[in-house]
Protein backbone atom coordinates (compact mmCIF):
# COMPACT_ATOMS: atom_id res chain seq x y z
CA UNK A 1 43.95 -24.59 33.53
CA UNK A 2 44.78 -21.20 35.23
CA UNK A 3 42.69 -18.78 37.36
CA UNK A 4 41.82 -16.33 34.67
CA UNK A 5 40.23 -19.35 32.53
CA UNK A 6 38.49 -20.90 35.29
CA UNK A 7 34.82 -19.12 35.39
CA UNK A 8 32.15 -20.45 37.53
CA UNK A 9 29.03 -19.72 35.83
CA UNK A 10 26.69 -20.73 38.71
CA UNK A 11 28.78 -18.35 40.86
CA UNK A 12 28.11 -15.51 38.42
CA UNK A 13 24.26 -16.19 38.26
CA UNK A 14 23.96 -16.39 42.00
CA UNK A 15 25.55 -12.98 42.23
CA UNK A 16 23.48 -11.67 39.81
CA UNK A 17 20.28 -12.82 41.51
CA UNK A 18 21.53 -11.43 44.73
CA UNK A 19 21.70 -7.90 43.36
CA UNK A 20 19.16 -7.65 40.44
CA UNK A 21 19.69 -4.37 38.36
CA UNK A 22 16.97 -1.86 38.96
CA UNK A 23 15.74 0.63 36.36
CA UNK A 24 15.86 4.38 37.28
CA UNK A 25 12.68 6.38 37.58
CA UNK A 26 13.48 8.41 34.45
CA UNK A 27 13.74 5.33 32.14
CA UNK A 28 10.40 4.06 33.59
CA UNK A 29 8.73 7.57 32.96
CA UNK A 30 10.09 7.15 29.27
CA UNK A 31 8.80 3.76 28.87
CA UNK A 32 5.63 4.57 30.05
CA UNK A 33 5.14 7.56 27.81
CA UNK A 34 6.42 5.60 25.11
CA UNK A 35 3.52 2.97 25.64
CA UNK A 36 1.06 5.64 26.09
CA UNK A 37 2.02 7.33 22.73
CA UNK A 38 1.31 4.03 20.95
CA UNK A 39 -2.07 3.42 22.45
CA UNK A 40 -3.56 6.33 20.83
CA UNK A 41 -6.13 5.43 18.43
CA UNK A 42 -5.07 5.74 14.71
CA UNK A 43 -6.96 7.81 12.57
CA UNK A 44 -7.56 5.62 9.39
CA UNK A 45 -8.48 8.19 7.04
CA UNK A 46 -5.44 10.21 7.84
CA UNK A 47 -2.94 7.13 7.50
CA UNK A 48 -4.89 6.21 4.13
CA UNK A 49 -4.35 9.68 2.98
CA UNK A 50 -0.83 9.85 3.87
CA UNK A 51 -0.23 6.53 2.17
CA UNK A 52 -1.23 7.79 -1.22
CA UNK A 53 0.64 10.97 -1.14
CA UNK A 54 -1.58 13.12 0.86
CA UNK A 55 -4.22 15.64 -0.65
CA UNK A 56 -2.12 16.00 -4.04
CA UNK A 57 -2.10 11.99 -4.31
CA UNK A 58 -5.83 11.89 -3.74
CA UNK A 59 -6.67 14.64 -6.06
CA UNK A 60 -4.47 12.86 -8.90
CA UNK A 61 -6.60 9.44 -8.04
CA UNK A 62 -9.90 11.24 -8.23
CA UNK A 63 -8.97 12.93 -11.51
CA UNK A 64 -7.67 9.91 -13.18
CA UNK A 65 -10.74 7.80 -11.88
CA UNK A 66 -13.12 10.66 -13.26
CA UNK A 67 -11.33 10.60 -16.52
CA UNK A 68 -11.35 6.88 -17.02
CA UNK A 69 -15.14 6.79 -16.49
CA UNK A 70 -15.73 9.56 -18.79
CA UNK A 71 -13.63 7.90 -21.61
CA UNK A 72 -15.34 4.62 -21.04
CA UNK A 73 -18.79 5.83 -21.19
CA UNK A 74 -18.54 8.57 -23.72
CA UNK A 75 -15.40 7.79 -25.96
CA UNK A 76 -14.21 9.90 -28.87
CA UNK A 77 -15.74 9.07 -32.17
CA UNK A 78 -12.65 7.86 -33.62
CA UNK A 79 -11.84 5.44 -30.92
CA UNK A 80 -10.68 1.96 -32.01
CA UNK A 81 -11.84 -1.06 -30.14
CA UNK A 82 -8.95 -2.38 -27.91
CA UNK A 83 -9.55 -6.02 -29.18
CA UNK A 84 -8.89 -4.79 -32.75
CA UNK A 85 -5.31 -3.44 -31.50
CA UNK A 86 -4.46 -6.87 -30.10
CA UNK A 87 -5.75 -8.85 -32.90
CA UNK A 88 -8.80 -10.50 -31.13
CA UNK A 89 -11.35 -9.27 -33.60
CA UNK A 90 -11.08 -8.30 -37.28
CA UNK A 91 -11.67 -4.47 -38.15
CA UNK A 92 -14.63 -4.43 -40.99
CA UNK A 93 -13.88 -3.17 -44.44
CA UNK A 94 -17.21 -1.72 -45.10
CA UNK A 95 -19.16 1.52 -43.69
CA UNK A 96 -19.46 -0.28 -40.26
CA UNK A 97 -15.89 0.17 -39.27
CA UNK A 98 -16.78 3.24 -37.50
CA UNK A 99 -19.39 1.40 -35.56
CA UNK A 100 -16.68 -0.91 -33.96
CA UNK A 101 -15.32 1.78 -31.71
CA UNK A 102 -17.02 0.38 -28.61
CA UNK A 103 -20.12 -1.24 -30.13
CA UNK A 104 -18.89 -4.87 -30.31
CA UNK A 105 -21.85 -5.81 -32.29
CA UNK A 106 -21.24 -7.44 -35.90
CA UNK A 107 -24.05 -7.88 -37.78
CA UNK A 108 -24.58 -11.49 -39.39
CA UNK A 109 -25.50 -12.20 -43.02
């Protein structure tokens, strides 16, 4: 084993403990500034608005919600019940076929 391969780890540790590295004042100032920037309170509404695409995304969501409620409460006259489309309910052959739009009521007898 030559001198280059021989490395005394304990000697290296003792030298490092004798002269610990010190951070510069500029580095400490930047770290402090970063920490203070992260401590600012997060505005929840602004972050939520940014997550959905800003004002345009919020406008689109509001429009889709209003249109969905409108079509749910006042459907067009010729609307077909979604249960008929998937086969869960049979469409009547008589004049009550138009009542199956969203009525869900079938007369017995």
